[in-house]
Amino acid sequence: MRNTKFFSEKVRILEDEKEPENTDAGEGETEVNSEIEKLQTEAKDLKDQLMRSLAEQENTRRIAKRDVENARQFAIKSFSKSLLDSSDNLERALAAVPEDVRNDTDNHSVLVTLYEGIQMTETGLNKAFEMNGLIKFGEVGGVFDPTKHQALFEFLDPDKDAGTIGQMMKSGFLLNNRVLRPAEVGVVKKE
């Protein structure tokens, strides 16, 4: 009896799974086509989501890499800024020695030696700056660039072109091609 129930149940399941006869063939095809379109749309949406996710991951990697590189390049920014005052003081010390005394070893040998020592110290400091990406810029006669120079004043000078740097008050510095401190300058103006 059990076997009969079992087999009759199987037969009933198989009959239910049989395809309907061709009386509704057009309707069945429409359902299949509709299901195919639905699956294709779903596959397209999933592919789009995957591509967007991959693009987002790549953007995140690129941004993180850029941030790490910037942090590495500009980690010494505050340390560099603190040394700029020392560089300025060395420049002032060199400028304070009159030019006629700088090479007069007969009358001012101590001052000449002091001047040479300060000059060597400044040269060493500038080399150390350059090795770490810190570059001094700004010179008299150069063209004024508001992105790199800070104009403290303007003055008339018939011997120089308007818009050029006529006086340097403080040198500017770039850290890895980014302005760390603008050069403080006096700019020649038009009459």
N, C-alpha and C. Protein backbone atom coordinates (compact mmCIF):
# COMPACT_ATOMS: atom_id res chain seq x y z
N MET A 1 0.81 -1.18 0.00
CA MET A 1 0.00 0.00 0.00
C MET A 1 0.86 1.25 0.00
N ARG A 2 1.87 1.19 0.76
CA ARG A 2 2.77 2.33 0.81
C ARG A 2 3.39 2.59 -0.54
N ASN A 3 3.85 1.55 -1.20
CA ASN A 3 4.47 1.70 -2.51
C ASN A 3 3.49 2.31 -3.51
N THR A 4 2.28 1.96 -3.44
CA THR A 4 1.28 2.46 -4.37
C THR A 4 1.10 3.96 -4.15
N LYS A 5 1.02 4.37 -2.89
CA LYS A 5 0.90 5.79 -2.59
C LYS A 5 2.11 6.55 -3.11
N PHE A 6 3.27 5.98 -2.88
CA PHE A 6 4.52 6.61 -3.29
C PHE A 6 4.54 6.81 -4.80
N PHE A 7 4.22 5.74 -5.52
CA PHE A 7 4.26 5.82 -6.99
C PHE A 7 3.18 6.73 -7.53
N SER A 8 2.02 6.71 -6.92
CA SER A 8 0.96 7.58 -7.41
C SER A 8 1.31 9.06 -7.19
N GLU A 9 1.99 9.32 -6.08
CA GLU A 9 2.44 10.68 -5.80
C GLU A 9 3.47 11.14 -6.84
N LYS A 10 4.40 10.24 -7.18
CA LYS A 10 5.42 10.55 -8.19
C LYS A 10 4.78 10.82 -9.54
N VAL A 11 3.83 10.02 -9.90
CA VAL A 11 3.14 10.18 -11.18
C VAL A 11 2.43 11.53 -11.20
N ARG A 12 1.77 11.86 -10.12
CA ARG A 12 1.06 13.13 -10.06
C ARG A 12 2.02 14.31 -10.21
N ILE A 13 3.20 14.22 -9.56
CA ILE A 13 4.22 15.28 -9.67
C ILE A 13 4.72 15.38 -11.10
N LEU A 14 4.99 14.24 -11.71
CA LEU A 14 5.47 14.25 -13.09
C LEU A 14 4.43 14.81 -14.04
N GLU A 15 3.17 14.51 -13.81
CA GLU A 15 2.12 15.03 -14.68
C GLU A 15 2.00 16.55 -14.51
N ASP A 16 2.17 17.00 -13.27
CA ASP A 16 2.12 18.44 -13.04
C ASP A 16 3.28 19.16 -13.74
N GLU A 17 4.41 18.49 -13.82
CA GLU A 17 5.58 19.10 -14.45
C GLU A 17 5.55 19.04 -15.96
N LYS A 18 4.67 18.22 -16.51
CA LYS A 18 4.56 18.14 -17.97
C LYS A 18 4.23 19.50 -18.53
N GLU A 19 4.75 19.76 -19.70
CA GLU A 19 4.45 21.03 -20.34
C GLU A 19 3.00 21.01 -20.81
N PRO A 20 2.36 22.12 -20.78
CA PRO A 20 0.99 22.16 -21.28
C PRO A 20 0.99 21.90 -22.78
N GLU A 21 -0.11 21.41 -23.23
CA GLU A 21 -0.20 21.12 -24.66
C GLU A 21 -0.15 22.41 -25.45
N ASN A 22 0.04 22.29 -26.73
CA ASN A 22 0.27 23.43 -27.60
C ASN A 22 -0.93 24.36 -27.75
N THR A 23 -1.91 24.18 -26.98
CA THR A 23 -3.07 25.07 -27.09
C THR A 23 -2.71 26.49 -26.72
N ASP A 24 -1.79 26.67 -25.75
CA ASP A 24 -1.39 28.01 -25.32
C ASP A 24 0.08 28.25 -25.66
N ALA A 25 0.57 27.82 -26.81
CA ALA A 25 1.98 27.93 -27.16
C ALA A 25 2.42 29.40 -27.22
N GLY A 26 1.63 30.26 -27.73
CA GLY A 26 1.99 31.67 -27.84
C GLY A 26 2.14 32.32 -26.47
N GLU A 27 1.27 31.94 -25.58
CA GLU A 27 1.31 32.51 -24.23
C GLU A 27 2.55 32.03 -23.48
N GLY A 28 2.94 30.78 -23.64
CA GLY A 28 4.13 30.22 -22.99
C GLY A 28 5.40 30.86 -23.51
N GLU A 29 5.43 31.08 -24.82
CA GLU A 29 6.61 31.75 -25.40
C GLU A 29 6.75 33.17 -24.90
N THR A 30 5.66 33.86 -24.75
CA THR A 30 5.68 35.22 -24.25
C THR A 30 6.23 35.25 -22.82
N GLU A 31 5.80 34.28 -22.02
CA GLU A 31 6.29 34.20 -20.65
C GLU A 31 7.80 33.94 -20.62
N VAL A 32 8.24 33.03 -21.49
CA VAL A 32 9.67 32.71 -21.54
C VAL A 32 10.46 33.93 -22.00
N ASN A 33 10.00 34.61 -23.03
CA ASN A 33 10.69 35.82 -23.52
C ASN A 33 10.71 36.91 -22.45
N SER A 34 9.60 37.04 -21.75
CA SER A 34 9.53 38.02 -20.67
C SER A 34 10.53 37.69 -19.57
N GLU A 35 10.61 36.42 -19.24
CA GLU A 35 11.56 35.97 -18.21
C GLU A 35 13.01 36.21 -18.67
N ILE A 36 13.29 35.94 -19.95
CA ILE A 36 14.64 36.17 -20.49
C ILE A 36 15.00 37.65 -20.43
N GLU A 37 14.09 38.51 -20.83
CA GLU A 37 14.34 39.95 -20.77
C GLU A 37 14.57 40.41 -19.34
N LYS A 38 13.78 39.87 -18.43
CA LYS A 38 13.92 40.21 -17.02
C LYS A 38 15.30 39.80 -16.51
N LEU A 39 15.74 38.61 -16.86
CA LEU A 39 17.05 38.12 -16.43
C LEU A 39 18.18 38.93 -17.08
N GLN A 40 18.02 39.29 -18.36
CA GLN A 40 19.03 40.10 -19.03
C GLN A 40 19.14 41.48 -18.38
N THR A 41 18.02 42.08 -18.04
CA THR A 41 18.03 43.38 -17.37
C THR A 41 18.71 43.27 -16.01
N GLU A 42 18.38 42.21 -15.29
CA GLU A 42 18.98 42.01 -13.97
C GLU A 42 20.50 41.80 -14.10
N ALA A 43 20.93 41.03 -15.11
CA ALA A 43 22.36 40.81 -15.34
C ALA A 43 23.05 42.13 -15.69
N LYS A 44 22.40 42.93 -16.52
CA LYS A 44 22.97 44.24 -16.90
C LYS A 44 23.11 45.14 -15.67
N ASP A 45 22.09 45.17 -14.82
CA ASP A 45 22.15 45.98 -13.59
C ASP A 45 23.26 45.50 -12.66
N LEU A 46 23.39 44.21 -12.50
CA LEU A 46 24.44 43.66 -11.64
C LEU A 46 25.83 43.98 -12.19
N LYS A 47 25.98 43.90 -13.52
CA LYS A 47 27.26 44.23 -14.13
C LYS A 47 27.58 45.71 -13.91
N ASP A 48 26.58 46.56 -14.06
CA ASP A 48 26.77 48.00 -13.83
C ASP A 48 27.18 48.26 -12.38
N GLN A 49 26.52 47.59 -11.43
CA GLN A 49 26.87 47.75 -10.02
C GLN A 49 28.30 47.29 -9.76
N LEU A 50 28.69 46.18 -10.38
CA LEU A 50 30.05 45.67 -10.22
C LEU A 50 31.07 46.65 -10.76
N MET A 51 30.83 47.20 -11.95
CA MET A 51 31.75 48.15 -12.56
C MET A 51 31.88 49.42 -11.71
N ARG A 52 30.76 49.89 -11.19
CA ARG A 52 30.80 51.08 -10.32
C ARG A 52 31.58 50.80 -9.05
N SER A 53 31.38 49.62 -8.50
CA SER A 53 32.10 49.23 -7.28
C SER A 53 33.60 49.16 -7.54
N LEU A 54 33.99 48.57 -8.66
CA LEU A 54 35.41 48.49 -9.01
C LEU A 54 36.01 49.87 -9.24
N ALA A 55 35.25 50.74 -9.90
CA ALA A 55 35.72 52.11 -10.14
C ALA A 55 35.88 52.85 -8.81
N GLU A 56 34.96 52.66 -7.90
CA GLU A 56 35.04 53.30 -6.58
C GLU A 56 36.26 52.81 -5.82
N GLN A 57 36.54 51.52 -5.89
CA GLN A 57 37.72 50.96 -5.23
C GLN A 57 39.00 51.56 -5.82
N GLU A 58 39.04 51.68 -7.13
CA GLU A 58 40.23 52.25 -7.79
C GLU A 58 40.41 53.71 -7.40
N ASN A 59 39.32 54.47 -7.34
CA ASN A 59 39.40 55.87 -6.91
C ASN A 59 39.90 55.97 -5.48
N THR A 60 39.42 55.10 -4.62
CA THR A 60 39.86 55.11 -3.22
C THR A 60 41.34 54.81 -3.13
N ARG A 61 41.81 53.82 -3.89
CA ARG A 61 43.24 53.49 -3.90
C ARG A 61 44.08 54.67 -4.39
N ARG A 62 43.63 55.31 -5.47
CA ARG A 62 44.37 56.43 -6.05
C ARG A 62 44.44 57.60 -5.07
N ILE A 63 43.32 57.91 -4.41
CA ILE A 63 43.29 59.01 -3.45
C ILE A 63 44.19 58.70 -2.25
N ALA A 64 44.13 57.47 -1.76
CA ALA A 64 44.97 57.08 -0.63
C ALA A 64 46.45 57.17 -1.00
N LYS A 65 46.79 56.73 -2.21
CA LYS A 65 48.18 56.80 -2.67
C LYS A 65 48.65 58.25 -2.75
N ARG A 66 47.79 59.12 -3.28
CA ARG A 66 48.14 60.54 -3.38
C ARG A 66 48.32 61.16 -1.99
N ASP A 67 47.42 60.82 -1.06
CA ASP A 67 47.52 61.36 0.30
C ASP A 67 48.80 60.90 0.99
N VAL A 68 49.17 59.64 0.79
CA VAL A 68 50.40 59.13 1.40
C VAL A 68 51.60 59.85 0.80
N GLU A 69 51.60 60.05 -0.51
CA GLU A 69 52.71 60.74 -1.18
C GLU A 69 52.82 62.18 -0.70
N ASN A 70 51.68 62.88 -0.58
CA ASN A 70 51.70 64.26 -0.07
C ASN A 70 52.20 64.32 1.37
N ALA A 71 51.76 63.38 2.17
CA ALA A 71 52.21 63.35 3.57
C ALA A 71 53.72 63.14 3.63
N ARG A 72 54.23 62.27 2.77
CA ARG A 72 55.67 62.02 2.75
C ARG A 72 56.43 63.26 2.28
N GLN A 73 55.94 63.90 1.23
CA GLN A 73 56.65 65.05 0.67
C GLN A 73 56.61 66.27 1.59
N PHE A 74 55.52 66.46 2.30
CA PHE A 74 55.36 67.68 3.07
C PHE A 74 55.42 67.46 4.58
N ALA A 75 55.94 66.33 5.00
CA ALA A 75 56.07 66.03 6.43
C ALA A 75 57.05 66.99 7.10
N ILE A 76 58.02 67.49 6.35
CA ILE A 76 59.04 68.36 6.93
C ILE A 76 58.67 69.84 6.82
N LYS A 77 57.42 70.12 6.48
CA LYS A 77 57.00 71.50 6.24
C LYS A 77 57.24 72.39 7.47
N SER A 78 56.77 72.00 8.62
CA SER A 78 56.91 72.86 9.80
C SER A 78 58.39 72.97 10.22
N PHE A 79 59.11 71.87 10.09
CA PHE A 79 60.54 71.91 10.41
C PHE A 79 61.26 72.86 9.46
N SER A 80 60.93 72.79 8.19
CA SER A 80 61.55 73.67 7.19
C SER A 80 61.25 75.13 7.48
N LYS A 81 59.99 75.41 7.80
CA LYS A 81 59.61 76.79 8.09
C LYS A 81 60.40 77.35 9.27
N SER A 82 60.65 76.52 10.26
CA SER A 82 61.38 77.00 11.44
C SER A 82 62.84 77.32 11.09
N LEU A 83 63.39 76.66 10.08
CA LEU A 83 64.77 76.93 9.68
C LEU A 83 64.91 78.14 8.75
N LEU A 84 63.81 78.61 8.19
CA LEU A 84 63.89 79.74 7.27
C LEU A 84 64.39 81.00 7.96
N ASP A 85 64.03 81.18 9.21
CA ASP A 85 64.52 82.35 9.95
C ASP A 85 66.04 82.31 10.11
N SER A 86 66.58 81.11 10.32
CA SER A 86 68.04 80.98 10.41
C SER A 86 68.70 81.34 9.09
N SER A 87 68.09 80.91 8.01
CA SER A 87 68.62 81.25 6.69
C SER A 87 68.58 82.77 6.48
N ASP A 88 67.48 83.40 6.87
CA ASP A 88 67.35 84.86 6.75
C ASP A 88 68.42 85.57 7.58
N ASN A 89 68.66 85.08 8.79
CA ASN A 89 69.68 85.70 9.65
C ASN A 89 71.08 85.57 9.05
N LEU A 90 71.36 84.44 8.41
CA LEU A 90 72.67 84.28 7.76
C LEU A 90 72.80 85.25 6.59
N GLU A 91 71.73 85.44 5.83
CA GLU A 91 71.76 86.41 4.73
C GLU A 91 72.01 87.82 5.25
N ARG A 92 71.33 88.18 6.33
CA ARG A 92 71.51 89.52 6.91
C ARG A 92 72.94 89.71 7.43
N ALA A 93 73.48 88.66 8.03
CA ALA A 93 74.85 88.74 8.54
C ALA A 93 75.83 88.96 7.39
N LEU A 94 75.62 88.27 6.28
CA LEU A 94 76.50 88.44 5.12
C LEU A 94 76.35 89.84 4.53
N ALA A 95 75.12 90.34 4.48
CA ALA A 95 74.89 91.67 3.91
C ALA A 95 75.42 92.78 4.82
N ALA A 96 75.57 92.51 6.10
CA ALA A 96 76.04 93.53 7.05
C ALA A 96 77.52 93.83 6.90
N VAL A 97 78.27 92.93 6.30
CA VAL A 97 79.71 93.16 6.12
C VAL A 97 79.90 93.98 4.85
N PRO A 98 80.50 95.15 4.95
CA PRO A 98 80.71 95.99 3.76
C PRO A 98 81.57 95.26 2.72
N GLU A 99 81.26 95.50 1.45
CA GLU A 99 81.96 94.79 0.37
C GLU A 99 83.45 95.08 0.36
N ASP A 100 83.86 96.28 0.67
CA ASP A 100 85.30 96.61 0.63
C ASP A 100 86.08 95.91 1.75
N VAL A 101 85.42 95.44 2.78
CA VAL A 101 86.09 94.77 3.90
C VAL A 101 86.11 93.25 3.71
N ARG A 102 85.23 92.71 2.89
CA ARG A 102 85.06 91.25 2.73
C ARG A 102 86.34 90.53 2.32
N ASN A 103 87.20 91.19 1.58
CA ASN A 103 88.44 90.54 1.10
C ASN A 103 89.70 91.22 1.63
N ASP A 104 89.57 92.17 2.56
CA ASP A 104 90.71 92.91 3.10
C ASP A 104 91.33 92.11 4.26
N THR A 105 92.15 91.12 3.93
CA THR A 105 92.77 90.27 4.95
C THR A 105 93.87 91.00 5.72
N ASP A 106 94.40 92.06 5.15
CA ASP A 106 95.48 92.80 5.82
C ASP A 106 94.96 93.58 7.03
N ASN A 107 93.88 94.31 6.83
CA ASN A 107 93.38 95.18 7.88
C ASN A 107 92.26 94.56 8.73
N HIS A 108 91.52 93.62 8.14
CA HIS A 108 90.34 93.07 8.82
C HIS A 108 90.31 91.54 8.70
N SER A 109 91.37 90.89 9.06
CA SER A 109 91.48 89.44 8.87
C SER A 109 90.43 88.68 9.67
N VAL A 110 90.11 89.13 10.86
CA VAL A 110 89.10 88.44 11.68
C VAL A 110 87.72 88.56 11.04
N LEU A 111 87.40 89.74 10.53
CA LEU A 111 86.11 89.96 9.89
C LEU A 111 85.99 89.15 8.59
N VAL A 112 87.11 89.08 7.84
CA VAL A 112 87.12 88.28 6.60
C VAL A 112 86.89 86.80 6.93
N THR A 113 87.53 86.32 7.97
CA THR A 113 87.37 84.92 8.37
C THR A 113 85.94 84.66 8.85
N LEU A 114 85.40 85.57 9.62
CA LEU A 114 84.02 85.45 10.09
C LEU A 114 83.06 85.44 8.91
N TYR A 115 83.28 86.33 7.95
CA TYR A 115 82.43 86.40 6.76
C TYR A 115 82.48 85.07 5.99
N GLU A 116 83.68 84.53 5.80
CA GLU A 116 83.83 83.26 5.09
C GLU A 116 83.11 82.13 5.83
N GLY A 117 83.20 82.13 7.15
CA GLY A 117 82.52 81.11 7.95
C GLY A 117 81.01 81.18 7.82
N ILE A 118 80.49 82.40 7.86
CA ILE A 118 79.04 82.59 7.70
C ILE A 118 78.62 82.16 6.30
N GLN A 119 79.42 82.51 5.31
CA GLN A 119 79.12 82.15 3.93
C GLN A 119 79.11 80.63 3.76
N MET A 120 80.08 79.94 4.36
CA MET A 120 80.12 78.47 4.27
C MET A 120 78.92 77.85 4.99
N THR A 121 78.53 78.41 6.11
CA THR A 121 77.37 77.91 6.84
C THR A 121 76.10 78.07 6.02
N GLU A 122 75.94 79.24 5.39
CA GLU A 122 74.77 79.48 4.55
C GLU A 122 74.75 78.52 3.36
N THR A 123 75.90 78.31 2.74
CA THR A 123 75.99 77.39 1.61
C THR A 123 75.61 75.97 2.04
N GLY A 124 76.12 75.54 3.18
CA GLY A 124 75.78 74.21 3.69
C GLY A 124 74.30 74.07 3.99
N LEU A 125 73.71 75.10 4.58
CA LEU A 125 72.29 75.07 4.89
C LEU A 125 71.46 75.00 3.62
N ASN A 126 71.84 75.78 2.61
CA ASN A 126 71.11 75.77 1.34
C ASN A 126 71.23 74.41 0.64
N LYS A 127 72.39 73.77 0.72
CA LYS A 127 72.55 72.43 0.14
C LYS A 127 71.66 71.43 0.86
N ALA A 128 71.61 71.53 2.19
CA ALA A 128 70.74 70.63 2.96
C ALA A 128 69.27 70.87 2.60
N PHE A 129 68.91 72.14 2.41
CA PHE A 129 67.55 72.47 1.98
C PHE A 129 67.24 71.80 0.64
N GLU A 130 68.13 71.97 -0.33
CA GLU A 130 67.90 71.42 -1.67
C GLU A 130 67.81 69.90 -1.66
N MET A 131 68.61 69.25 -0.82
CA MET A 131 68.56 67.79 -0.74
C MET A 131 67.20 67.31 -0.22
N ASN A 132 66.50 68.15 0.51
CA ASN A 132 65.20 67.78 1.06
C ASN A 132 64.04 68.44 0.33
N GLY A 133 64.29 68.97 -0.87
CA GLY A 133 63.23 69.53 -1.70
C GLY A 133 62.87 70.97 -1.40
N LEU A 134 63.70 71.66 -0.63
CA LEU A 134 63.44 73.05 -0.28
C LEU A 134 64.37 73.93 -1.11
N ILE A 135 63.78 74.78 -1.96
CA ILE A 135 64.57 75.57 -2.90
C ILE A 135 64.30 77.06 -2.68
N LYS A 136 65.39 77.83 -2.61
CA LYS A 136 65.30 79.28 -2.45
C LYS A 136 65.05 79.90 -3.82
N PHE A 137 64.18 80.92 -3.85
CA PHE A 137 63.93 81.62 -5.11
C PHE A 137 63.75 83.10 -4.85
N GLY A 138 63.77 83.85 -5.95
CA GLY A 138 63.57 85.30 -5.91
C GLY A 138 64.88 86.03 -6.10
N GLU A 139 64.90 86.89 -7.10
CA GLU A 139 66.10 87.69 -7.34
C GLU A 139 65.70 89.03 -7.95
N VAL A 140 66.52 90.02 -7.69
CA VAL A 140 66.28 91.36 -8.24
C VAL A 140 66.37 91.27 -9.76
N GLY A 141 65.40 91.90 -10.42
CA GLY A 141 65.37 91.90 -11.88
C GLY A 141 64.41 90.86 -12.45
N GLY A 142 64.00 89.91 -11.63
CA GLY A 142 63.04 88.89 -12.10
C GLY A 142 61.64 89.49 -12.24
N VAL A 143 60.79 88.79 -12.95
CA VAL A 143 59.41 89.26 -13.15
C VAL A 143 58.59 88.94 -11.90
N PHE A 144 57.78 89.91 -11.48
CA PHE A 144 56.93 89.73 -10.31
C PHE A 144 55.83 88.71 -10.62
N ASP A 145 55.70 87.70 -9.78
CA ASP A 145 54.67 86.67 -9.92
C ASP A 145 53.89 86.62 -8.60
N PRO A 146 52.62 87.04 -8.63
CA PRO A 146 51.86 87.11 -7.38
C PRO A 146 51.66 85.76 -6.68
N THR A 147 51.86 84.66 -7.40
CA THR A 147 51.73 83.35 -6.77
C THR A 147 52.99 82.97 -5.99
N LYS A 148 54.11 83.66 -6.28
CA LYS A 148 55.37 83.35 -5.61
C LYS A 148 55.94 84.51 -4.82
N HIS A 149 55.47 85.71 -5.11
CA HIS A 149 56.04 86.90 -4.47
C HIS A 149 54.97 87.67 -3.71
N GLN A 150 55.39 88.29 -2.62
CA GLN A 150 54.52 89.18 -1.86
C GLN A 150 55.09 90.59 -2.01
N ALA A 151 54.33 91.45 -2.66
CA ALA A 151 54.78 92.82 -2.89
C ALA A 151 54.56 93.63 -1.61
N LEU A 152 55.65 94.12 -1.03
CA LEU A 152 55.55 94.93 0.18
C LEU A 152 55.38 96.40 -0.16
N PHE A 153 55.94 96.80 -1.30
CA PHE A 153 55.83 98.19 -1.72
C PHE A 153 56.14 98.27 -3.21
N GLU A 154 55.77 99.42 -3.80
CA GLU A 154 56.09 99.72 -5.19
C GLU A 154 56.91 101.01 -5.19
N PHE A 155 57.79 101.11 -6.17
CA PHE A 155 58.59 102.33 -6.27
C PHE A 155 58.95 102.58 -7.73
N LEU A 156 59.29 103.85 -8.00
CA LEU A 156 59.69 104.25 -9.36
C LEU A 156 61.18 104.03 -9.53
N ASP A 157 61.55 103.47 -10.67
CA ASP A 157 62.97 103.32 -11.01
C ASP A 157 63.07 103.35 -12.53
N PRO A 158 63.55 104.46 -13.07
CA PRO A 158 63.60 104.61 -14.53
C PRO A 158 64.56 103.62 -15.20
N ASP A 159 65.48 103.04 -14.45
CA ASP A 159 66.45 102.11 -15.04
C ASP A 159 65.93 100.68 -15.15
N LYS A 160 64.79 100.39 -14.53
CA LYS A 160 64.26 99.02 -14.52
C LYS A 160 62.88 98.99 -15.14
N ASP A 161 62.51 97.82 -15.65
CA ASP A 161 61.19 97.64 -16.27
C ASP A 161 60.11 97.56 -15.20
N ALA A 162 58.94 98.11 -15.52
CA ALA A 162 57.80 98.03 -14.61
C ALA A 162 57.36 96.57 -14.48
N GLY A 163 56.94 96.21 -13.28
CA GLY A 163 56.48 94.84 -13.05
C GLY A 163 57.60 93.87 -12.70
N THR A 164 58.81 94.40 -12.56
CA THR A 164 59.92 93.53 -12.17
C THR A 164 60.26 93.76 -10.70
N ILE A 165 61.03 92.86 -10.16
CA ILE A 165 61.43 92.96 -8.76
C ILE A 165 62.61 93.92 -8.66
N GLY A 166 62.42 94.97 -7.88
CA GLY A 166 63.46 95.98 -7.73
C GLY A 166 64.29 95.77 -6.47
N GLN A 167 63.68 95.23 -5.43
CA GLN A 167 64.38 94.97 -4.17
C GLN A 167 63.87 93.67 -3.56
N MET A 168 64.81 92.94 -2.96
CA MET A 168 64.46 91.71 -2.24
C MET A 168 64.55 91.99 -0.75
N MET A 169 63.45 91.78 -0.05
CA MET A 169 63.47 91.95 1.40
C MET A 169 63.74 90.59 2.07
N LYS A 170 63.07 89.54 1.58
CA LYS A 170 63.28 88.18 2.07
C LYS A 170 63.15 87.23 0.89
N SER A 171 64.02 86.24 0.85
CA SER A 171 63.94 85.23 -0.21
C SER A 171 62.72 84.35 0.03
N GLY A 172 62.20 83.81 -1.06
CA GLY A 172 61.09 82.87 -0.97
C GLY A 172 61.62 81.45 -1.02
N PHE A 173 60.79 80.51 -0.63
CA PHE A 173 61.19 79.10 -0.64
C PHE A 173 60.06 78.24 -1.18
N LEU A 174 60.45 77.26 -2.01
CA LEU A 174 59.53 76.25 -2.52
C LEU A 174 59.86 74.93 -1.83
N LEU A 175 58.83 74.20 -1.43
CA LEU A 175 59.00 72.86 -0.88
C LEU A 175 58.34 71.90 -1.86
N ASN A 176 59.17 71.12 -2.56
CA ASN A 176 58.68 70.20 -3.58
C ASN A 176 57.74 70.91 -4.57
N ASN A 177 58.21 72.04 -5.08
CA ASN A 177 57.53 72.85 -6.10
C ASN A 177 56.24 73.50 -5.60
N ARG A 178 56.05 73.58 -4.30
CA ARG A 178 54.92 74.29 -3.72
C ARG A 178 55.49 75.41 -2.87
N VAL A 179 54.88 76.61 -2.97
CA VAL A 179 55.40 77.76 -2.23
C VAL A 179 55.25 77.52 -0.73
N LEU A 180 56.38 77.50 -0.05
CA LEU A 180 56.38 77.38 1.41
C LEU A 180 56.31 78.78 2.03
N ARG A 181 57.08 79.69 1.45
CA ARG A 181 57.04 81.08 1.88
C ARG A 181 57.27 81.95 0.65
N PRO A 182 56.38 82.91 0.39
CA PRO A 182 56.58 83.79 -0.76
C PRO A 182 57.75 84.74 -0.50
N ALA A 183 58.41 85.12 -1.58
CA ALA A 183 59.50 86.10 -1.46
C ALA A 183 58.87 87.46 -1.20
N GLU A 184 59.43 88.19 -0.25
CA GLU A 184 58.95 89.54 0.08
C GLU A 184 59.78 90.53 -0.73
N VAL A 185 59.10 91.28 -1.61
CA VAL A 185 59.82 92.09 -2.59
C VAL A 185 59.24 93.49 -2.71
N GLY A 186 60.06 94.36 -3.30
CA GLY A 186 59.62 95.68 -3.73
C GLY A 186 59.53 95.64 -5.24
N VAL A 187 58.42 96.10 -5.78
CA VAL A 187 58.17 96.00 -7.22
C VAL A 187 58.28 97.37 -7.88
N VAL A 188 58.92 97.39 -9.06
CA VAL A 188 59.05 98.61 -9.84
C VAL A 188 57.70 98.91 -10.49
N LYS A 189 57.23 100.17 -10.37
CA LYS A 189 55.95 100.53 -10.97
C LYS A 189 56.15 101.51 -12.12
N LYS A 190 55.10 101.65 -12.91
CA LYS A 190 55.12 102.57 -14.04
C LYS A 190 55.05 104.00 -13.54
N GLU A 191 55.59 104.90 -14.31
CA GLU A 191 55.55 106.32 -13.92
C GLU A 191 54.18 106.91 -14.13
